[in-house]
Amino acid sequence: MSNTRTLKISSRTVASATVVDLEGAITISNSANLRSTLFQTLPATPRLALNMSGISYVDSSGIATLIEVLKKARDLNRDFHLFGVGRPVHDVLKLTNLLGVFQIFATEEDALEAHGER
């Protein structure tokens, strides 16, 4: 498998939020691992911000994972924001009419400052 189809996941705490940095591609081969990581993180943080700036590709399983995490965040009354969404992810979200479903911000700072927009 080439590096363009792998996914690196790392997380860090910023104030009372958790930022998850992603790098690579979200595909059927790694979306279950991403889902598991984010589902484990959600109960422990009031705000989860997903850094999408390093994502070069997302397939339908990746989109399904993001939707599942959004639903789980709403069920737990947690904020779930995306930021740094590049052209590849933006185009897929636009094509699937999901741009308005997610809270999307340009920068990490903007995502972390947003409150109560669930």
Protein backbone atom coordinates (compact mmCIF):
# COMPACT_ATOMS: atom_id res chain seq x y z
CA MET A 1 0.00 0.00 0.00
CA SER A 2 1.44 3.38 -0.95
CA ASN A 3 1.81 6.26 1.48
CA THR A 4 -0.94 8.14 -0.35
CA ARG A 5 -3.45 5.57 0.92
CA THR A 6 -2.29 5.33 4.53
CA LEU A 7 -3.56 7.39 7.45
CA LYS A 8 -1.55 8.79 10.34
CA ILE A 9 -3.64 9.71 13.40
CA SER A 10 -2.31 11.71 16.33
CA SER A 11 -4.08 13.63 19.05
CA ARG A 12 -3.26 16.41 21.45
CA THR A 13 -5.04 18.40 24.12
CA VAL A 14 -5.50 22.14 23.63
CA ALA A 15 -7.22 23.85 26.58
CA SER A 16 -10.38 21.77 27.16
CA ALA A 17 -10.50 20.38 23.63
CA THR A 18 -8.91 17.45 21.86
CA VAL A 19 -7.39 18.05 18.45
CA VAL A 20 -6.92 15.02 16.22
CA ASP A 21 -4.42 15.57 13.43
CA LEU A 22 -4.84 13.43 10.34
CA GLU A 23 -2.37 12.88 7.53
CA GLY A 24 -2.81 10.80 4.39
CA ALA A 25 -5.99 9.30 3.02
CA ILE A 26 -9.17 8.08 4.69
CA THR A 27 -10.18 4.87 2.95
CA ILE A 28 -12.06 1.65 3.56
CA SER A 29 -8.81 0.07 4.75
CA ASN A 30 -8.33 2.53 7.64
CA SER A 31 -11.69 4.19 8.34
CA ALA A 32 -12.59 1.60 11.01
CA ASN A 33 -9.43 2.50 12.93
CA LEU A 34 -10.26 6.21 12.63
CA ARG A 35 -13.82 5.55 13.81
CA SER A 36 -12.57 3.57 16.80
CA THR A 37 -10.05 6.25 17.76
CA LEU A 38 -12.59 9.06 17.55
CA PHE A 39 -15.30 7.06 19.38
CA GLN A 40 -12.84 6.43 22.23
CA THR A 41 -11.86 10.11 22.35
CA LEU A 42 -15.35 11.65 22.32
CA PRO A 43 -16.55 10.71 25.83
CA ALA A 44 -13.41 12.20 27.40
CA THR A 45 -13.55 15.66 25.80
CA PRO A 46 -16.18 18.39 25.52
CA ARG A 47 -14.81 19.44 22.12
CA LEU A 48 -13.24 17.39 19.36
CA ALA A 49 -11.57 19.22 16.49
CA LEU A 50 -10.45 17.19 13.49
CA ASN A 51 -7.49 18.63 11.57
CA MET A 52 -8.14 17.70 7.95
CA SER A 53 -5.31 19.77 6.42
CA GLY A 54 -3.17 16.68 5.82
CA ILE A 55 -5.89 14.66 4.09
CA SER A 56 -5.28 14.11 0.38
CA TYR A 57 -8.18 11.72 -0.28
CA VAL A 58 -11.37 10.51 1.35
CA ASP A 59 -13.65 7.74 0.06
CA SER A 60 -17.25 6.91 0.91
CA SER A 61 -16.27 4.87 3.97
CA GLY A 62 -14.37 7.89 5.27
CA ILE A 63 -17.42 10.09 4.80
CA ALA A 64 -19.56 7.48 6.56
CA THR A 65 -17.08 7.49 9.46
CA LEU A 66 -17.29 11.28 9.78
CA ILE A 67 -21.09 11.10 9.81
CA GLU A 68 -21.03 8.36 12.49
CA VAL A 69 -18.69 10.42 14.66
CA LEU A 70 -20.87 13.52 14.21
CA LYS A 71 -23.93 11.54 15.30
CA LYS A 72 -22.08 10.13 18.32
CA ALA A 73 -20.88 13.62 19.26
CA ARG A 74 -24.44 14.92 19.14
CA ASP A 75 -25.66 11.96 21.22
CA LEU A 76 -23.00 12.78 23.84
CA ASN A 77 -23.66 16.53 23.61
CA ARG A 78 -20.10 17.18 22.41
CA ASP A 79 -18.81 19.68 19.86
CA PHE A 80 -17.32 18.10 16.73
CA HIS A 81 -15.60 20.45 14.31
CA LEU A 82 -13.55 20.01 11.18
CA PHE A 83 -10.83 22.45 10.20
CA GLY A 84 -8.21 22.78 7.51
CA VAL A 85 -10.45 21.08 4.98
CA GLY A 86 -8.57 21.03 1.68
CA ARG A 87 -9.88 20.72 -1.85
CA PRO A 88 -10.07 16.87 -1.91
CA VAL A 89 -12.27 16.68 1.19
CA HIS A 90 -14.23 19.84 0.37
CA ASP A 91 -15.12 18.50 -3.08
CA VAL A 92 -16.39 15.18 -1.68
CA LEU A 93 -18.44 16.95 1.02
CA LYS A 94 -19.88 19.29 -1.61
CA LEU A 95 -20.68 16.42 -3.99
CA THR A 96 -22.48 14.55 -1.23
CA ASN A 97 -24.34 17.68 -0.03
CA LEU A 98 -22.71 17.43 3.40
CA LEU A 99 -20.93 20.80 3.57
CA GLY A 100 -23.74 22.24 5.67
CA VAL A 101 -23.95 19.20 7.95
CA PHE A 102 -20.52 19.62 9.53
CA GLN A 103 -19.16 22.63 11.38
CA ILE A 104 -16.15 23.48 9.19
CA PHE A 105 -13.57 26.11 10.09
CA ALA A 106 -10.54 27.47 8.29
CA THR A 107 -8.15 27.28 11.24
CA GLU A 108 -7.61 25.38 14.46
CA GLU A 109 -8.11 28.58 16.44
CA ASP A 110 -11.52 29.18 14.82
CA ALA A 111 -12.58 25.59 15.49
CA LEU A 112 -11.53 25.75 19.13
CA GLU A 113 -13.24 29.10 19.73
CA ALA A 114 -16.60 27.86 18.41
CA HIS A 115 -18.97 26.94 21.22
CA GLY A 116 -22.39 25.36 21.31
CA GLU A 117 -22.68 24.82 17.58
CA ARG A 118 -23.70 21.20 17.70
